[in-house]
Amino acid sequence: MYLVSLFEKDGIVEASLGGRVTAGEIDVFGTELIELLEAFSSQPFSMLIDYSKANPLTGDAVTALARVKDECFEFGAVEIVSVVNDEQDLVTHQTMRLQEVLEGKERFVADPAQAKLKKHEPAAIRLAA
């Protein structure tokens, strides 16, 4: 089960995953998410993915989620903040995405209060005279 909210004015995308989440469900989530991201027209955005209410993800689900995150970067994500179940998940997920973490593109937190996102103003539309 998942819910996605798009806040175009602030350049923020929020997604919540809950319950038992399989790799197949993450693939469906990713497909629908990418369709929504096309509305940003390559504008930069920040993304929050909260899976703290989901059962611990299996290895296949974690791999599928990593693919979705990589696609989000291709569609203009400037940062992705993930809220995980606990400190053990934080270490596991952060280690898997270490390159993105070191580059400052991705953060993992176990406390939703630490999931602060940068706002991104939509680019101004320029008209030729």
Protein backbone atom coordinates (compact mmCIF):
# COMPACT_ATOMS: atom_id res chain seq x y z
CA MET A 1 0.00 0.00 0.00
CA TYR A 2 1.30 3.46 -0.84
CA LEU A 3 0.28 7.09 -1.05
CA VAL A 4 1.99 9.77 -3.12
CA SER A 5 1.49 13.52 -2.68
CA LEU A 6 2.85 16.07 -5.13
CA PHE A 7 3.37 19.68 -3.98
CA GLU A 8 4.32 21.40 -7.24
CA LYS A 9 4.43 24.90 -5.74
CA ASP A 10 7.15 23.86 -3.27
CA GLY A 11 8.86 21.31 -5.51
CA ILE A 12 8.25 18.49 -3.05
CA VAL A 13 7.09 14.91 -3.54
CA GLU A 14 6.08 12.81 -0.54
CA ALA A 15 5.48 9.07 -0.67
CA SER A 16 4.43 6.73 2.13
CA LEU A 17 4.67 2.96 1.99
CA GLY A 18 2.88 0.80 4.56
CA GLY A 19 2.11 -2.78 5.43
CA ARG A 20 3.80 -5.63 3.59
CA VAL A 21 5.53 -4.18 0.53
CA THR A 22 6.87 -6.54 -2.15
CA ALA A 23 9.28 -5.85 -4.99
CA GLY A 24 6.34 -6.11 -7.43
CA GLU A 25 4.38 -3.49 -5.51
CA ILE A 26 7.40 -1.19 -5.52
CA ASP A 27 7.64 -1.63 -9.30
CA VAL A 28 3.98 -0.55 -9.64
CA PHE A 29 4.59 2.32 -7.21
CA GLY A 30 7.63 3.38 -9.27
CA THR A 31 5.69 3.34 -12.55
CA GLU A 32 2.91 5.50 -11.12
CA LEU A 33 5.40 7.80 -9.41
CA ILE A 34 7.29 8.43 -12.65
CA GLU A 35 4.00 9.30 -14.37
CA LEU A 36 3.39 11.92 -11.67
CA LEU A 37 6.93 13.26 -11.91
CA GLU A 38 6.45 14.00 -15.58
CA ALA A 39 4.25 16.88 -14.36
CA PHE A 40 7.37 18.58 -12.99
CA SER A 41 8.77 18.91 -16.53
CA SER A 42 12.35 18.35 -15.33
CA GLN A 43 12.05 20.94 -12.56
CA PRO A 44 14.21 20.21 -9.52
CA PHE A 45 12.37 18.68 -6.56
CA SER A 46 12.97 17.13 -3.17
CA MET A 47 11.46 13.79 -2.27
CA LEU A 48 10.46 12.16 0.99
CA ILE A 49 9.87 8.41 1.04
CA ASP A 50 8.50 7.20 4.38
CA TYR A 51 8.51 3.44 4.79
CA SER A 52 8.71 3.47 8.57
CA LYS A 53 5.19 1.99 8.78
CA ALA A 54 5.96 -0.81 6.32
CA ASN A 55 7.09 -4.24 7.38
CA PRO A 56 10.87 -4.57 6.96
CA LEU A 57 11.58 -4.69 3.23
CA THR A 58 13.01 -7.85 1.70
CA GLY A 59 16.25 -7.70 -0.29
CA ASP A 60 14.30 -7.72 -3.59
CA ALA A 61 12.08 -4.88 -2.38
CA VAL A 62 15.10 -2.82 -1.29
CA THR A 63 16.69 -3.35 -4.70
CA ALA A 64 13.45 -2.35 -6.46
CA LEU A 65 13.20 0.78 -4.29
CA ALA A 66 16.80 1.70 -5.18
CA ARG A 67 15.86 1.51 -8.89
CA VAL A 68 12.89 3.82 -8.27
CA LYS A 69 15.11 6.30 -6.45
CA ASP A 70 17.62 6.27 -9.32
CA GLU A 71 14.77 7.03 -11.76
CA CYS A 72 13.68 9.91 -9.53
CA PHE A 73 17.18 11.40 -9.78
CA GLU A 74 16.90 11.12 -13.57
CA PHE A 75 13.62 13.06 -13.41
CA GLY A 76 15.16 15.94 -11.45
CA ALA A 77 15.25 14.90 -7.79
CA VAL A 78 17.83 17.01 -6.00
CA GLU A 79 17.56 15.08 -2.76
CA ILE A 80 15.75 12.03 -1.43
CA VAL A 81 15.12 11.60 2.28
CA SER A 82 13.98 8.16 3.41
CA VAL A 83 12.33 7.45 6.77
CA VAL A 84 13.14 3.87 7.78
CA ASN A 85 11.79 1.57 10.52
CA ASP A 86 14.66 1.68 12.99
CA GLU A 87 18.40 2.20 13.45
CA GLN A 88 19.22 -1.24 12.02
CA ASP A 89 17.32 -0.45 8.79
CA LEU A 90 19.00 2.95 8.72
CA VAL A 91 22.45 1.32 8.64
CA THR A 92 21.39 -1.30 6.08
CA HIS A 93 19.76 1.13 3.65
CA GLN A 94 22.41 3.81 4.08
CA THR A 95 25.16 1.28 3.38
CA MET A 96 23.40 0.11 0.22
CA ARG A 97 23.10 3.69 -1.06
CA LEU A 98 26.46 4.88 0.30
CA GLN A 99 27.57 6.64 -2.91
CA GLU A 100 24.38 8.74 -3.02
CA VAL A 101 24.71 9.49 0.71
CA LEU A 102 28.33 10.59 0.31
CA GLU A 103 27.35 12.81 -2.62
CA GLY A 104 24.71 14.49 -0.40
CA LYS A 105 21.86 13.41 -2.68
CA GLU A 106 20.27 10.98 -0.25
CA ARG A 107 19.66 10.85 3.51
CA PHE A 108 18.17 8.21 5.78
CA VAL A 109 16.50 8.96 9.12
CA ALA A 110 14.73 6.78 11.68
CA ASP A 111 12.85 9.75 13.18
CA PRO A 112 10.31 11.47 10.89
CA ALA A 113 10.97 14.78 12.69
CA GLN A 114 14.47 14.76 11.13
CA ALA A 115 13.10 14.49 7.57
CA LYS A 116 13.46 18.12 6.53
CA LEU A 117 13.24 18.84 2.80
CA LYS A 118 14.48 21.76 0.74
CA LYS A 119 11.80 23.63 -1.16
CA HIS A 120 12.32 24.34 -4.85
CA GLU A 121 10.59 27.20 -6.61
CA PRO A 122 9.26 26.39 -10.09
CA ALA A 123 11.38 27.94 -12.82
CA ALA A 124 10.00 31.15 -14.22
CA ILE A 125 8.52 30.92 -17.67
CA ARG A 126 10.43 33.14 -20.07
CA LEU A 127 8.66 34.55 -23.10
CA ALA A 128 10.60 35.65 -26.15
CA ALA A 129 9.85 39.18 -27.32
